[in-house]
């Protein structure tokens, strides 16, 4: 989990655990999130990503 050109917000070990379903889901927030569409391609851009200390259930209730 990272923003292009920056260091991951979780360790390589946590990344591997997340990939194999051994790590719980994380709730993240993005700064300056924007959606773009160009020549039929689309994506998201952000300036920063942060892991929030809330559970997925708590996030759904916000």
C-alpha atoms as a PDB file:
ATOM      1  CA  UNK A   1       0.000   0.000   0.000  1.00  0.00           C
ATOM      2  CA  UNK A   2       1.697   3.124  -1.192  1.00  0.00           C
ATOM      3  CA  UNK A   3       1.491   6.251  -3.247  1.00  0.00           C
ATOM      4  CA  UNK A   4       3.617   6.069  -6.427  1.00  0.00           C
ATOM      5  CA  UNK A   5       7.093   7.413  -5.821  1.00  0.00           C
ATOM      6  CA  UNK A   6       6.914   7.037  -2.043  1.00  0.00           C
ATOM      7  CA  UNK A   7       7.742   4.355   0.498  1.00  0.00           C
ATOM      8  CA  UNK A   8       5.052   1.812   1.478  1.00  0.00           C
ATOM      9  CA  UNK A   9       3.105   2.632   4.648  1.00  0.00           C
ATOM     10  CA  UNK A  10       3.432  -1.006   5.781  1.00  0.00           C
ATOM     11  CA  UNK A  11       6.478  -3.268   5.984  1.00  0.00           C
ATOM     12  CA  UNK A  12       7.361  -5.886   3.351  1.00  0.00           C
ATOM     13  CA  UNK A  13       6.389  -8.620   5.834  1.00  0.00           C
ATOM     14  CA  UNK A  14       2.976  -7.000   6.461  1.00  0.00           C
ATOM     15  CA  UNK A  15       2.528  -6.626   2.686  1.00  0.00           C
ATOM     16  CA  UNK A  16       3.147 -10.363   2.173  1.00  0.00           C
ATOM     17  CA  UNK A  17       0.753 -11.296   4.988  1.00  0.00           C
ATOM     18  CA  UNK A  18      -1.901  -9.014   3.495  1.00  0.00           C
ATOM     19  CA  UNK A  19      -1.355 -10.554   0.042  1.00  0.00           C
ATOM     20  CA  UNK A  20      -1.926 -14.080   1.398  1.00  0.00           C
ATOM     21  CA  UNK A  21      -4.906 -13.106   3.573  1.00  0.00           C
ATOM     22  CA  UNK A  22      -3.031 -13.523   6.863  1.00  0.00           C
ATOM     23  CA  UNK A  23      -3.308  -9.829   7.815  1.00  0.00           C
ATOM     24  CA  UNK A  24      -6.565  -8.101   8.717  1.00  0.00           C
ATOM     25  CA  UNK A  25      -8.029  -5.470   6.403  1.00  0.00           C
ATOM     26  CA  UNK A  26      -6.752  -1.955   6.956  1.00  0.00           C
ATOM     27  CA  UNK A  27      -8.707   1.276   6.632  1.00  0.00           C
ATOM     28  CA  UNK A  28      -6.749   3.970   4.837  1.00  0.00           C
ATOM     29  CA  UNK A  29      -7.251   7.638   4.029  1.00  0.00           C
ATOM     30  CA  UNK A  30      -5.817   9.447   1.022  1.00  0.00           C
ATOM     31  CA  UNK A  31      -4.829  13.111   0.817  1.00  0.00           C
ATOM     32  CA  UNK A  32      -5.684  15.091  -2.325  1.00  0.00           C
ATOM     33  CA  UNK A  33      -7.450  12.108  -3.919  1.00  0.00           C
ATOM     34  CA  UNK A  34      -8.512  12.691  -7.516  1.00  0.00           C
ATOM     35  CA  UNK A  35      -9.960  10.575 -10.298  1.00  0.00           C
ATOM     36  CA  UNK A  36      -8.628  10.950 -13.843  1.00  0.00           C
ATOM     37  CA  UNK A  37      -9.732   9.710 -17.263  1.00  0.00           C
ATOM     38  CA  UNK A  38      -7.552  10.040 -20.378  1.00  0.00           C
ATOM     39  CA  UNK A  39      -7.909   8.288 -23.761  1.00  0.00           C
ATOM     40  CA  UNK A  40     -10.113   5.563 -22.297  1.00  0.00           C
ATOM     41  CA  UNK A  41      -7.816   4.908 -19.333  1.00  0.00           C
ATOM     42  CA  UNK A  42      -8.691   5.967 -15.833  1.00  0.00           C
ATOM     43  CA  UNK A  43      -7.123   5.906 -12.410  1.00  0.00           C
ATOM     44  CA  UNK A  44      -6.736   7.543  -9.043  1.00  0.00           C
ATOM     45  CA  UNK A  45      -4.033   9.926  -7.871  1.00  0.00           C
ATOM     46  CA  UNK A  46      -3.181  10.950  -4.313  1.00  0.00           C
ATOM     47  CA  UNK A  47      -0.423  12.866  -2.581  1.00  0.00           C
ATOM     48  CA  UNK A  48      -0.345  10.716   0.582  1.00  0.00           C
ATOM     49  CA  UNK A  49      -1.841   7.616   2.200  1.00  0.00           C
ATOM     50  CA  UNK A  50      -2.390   7.022   5.925  1.00  0.00           C
ATOM     51  CA  UNK A  51      -3.536   3.954   7.869  1.00  0.00           C
ATOM     52  CA  UNK A  52      -6.410   4.863  10.188  1.00  0.00           C
ATOM     53  CA  UNK A  53      -6.771   3.262  13.587  1.00  0.00           C
ATOM     54  CA  UNK A  54     -10.393   2.224  13.052  1.00  0.00           C
ATOM     55  CA  UNK A  55     -11.899  -1.121  12.138  1.00  0.00           C
ATOM     56  CA  UNK A  56     -13.663  -1.596   8.802  1.00  0.00           C
ATOM     57  CA  UNK A  57     -16.992  -1.762  10.699  1.00  0.00           C
ATOM     58  CA  UNK A  58     -16.286   1.552  12.462  1.00  0.00           C
ATOM     59  CA  UNK A  59     -15.374   3.138   9.118  1.00  0.00           C
ATOM     60  CA  UNK A  60     -18.686   2.031   7.582  1.00  0.00           C
ATOM     61  CA  UNK A  61     -20.553   3.726  10.420  1.00  0.00           C
ATOM     62  CA  UNK A  62     -18.818   7.109   9.894  1.00  0.00           C
END
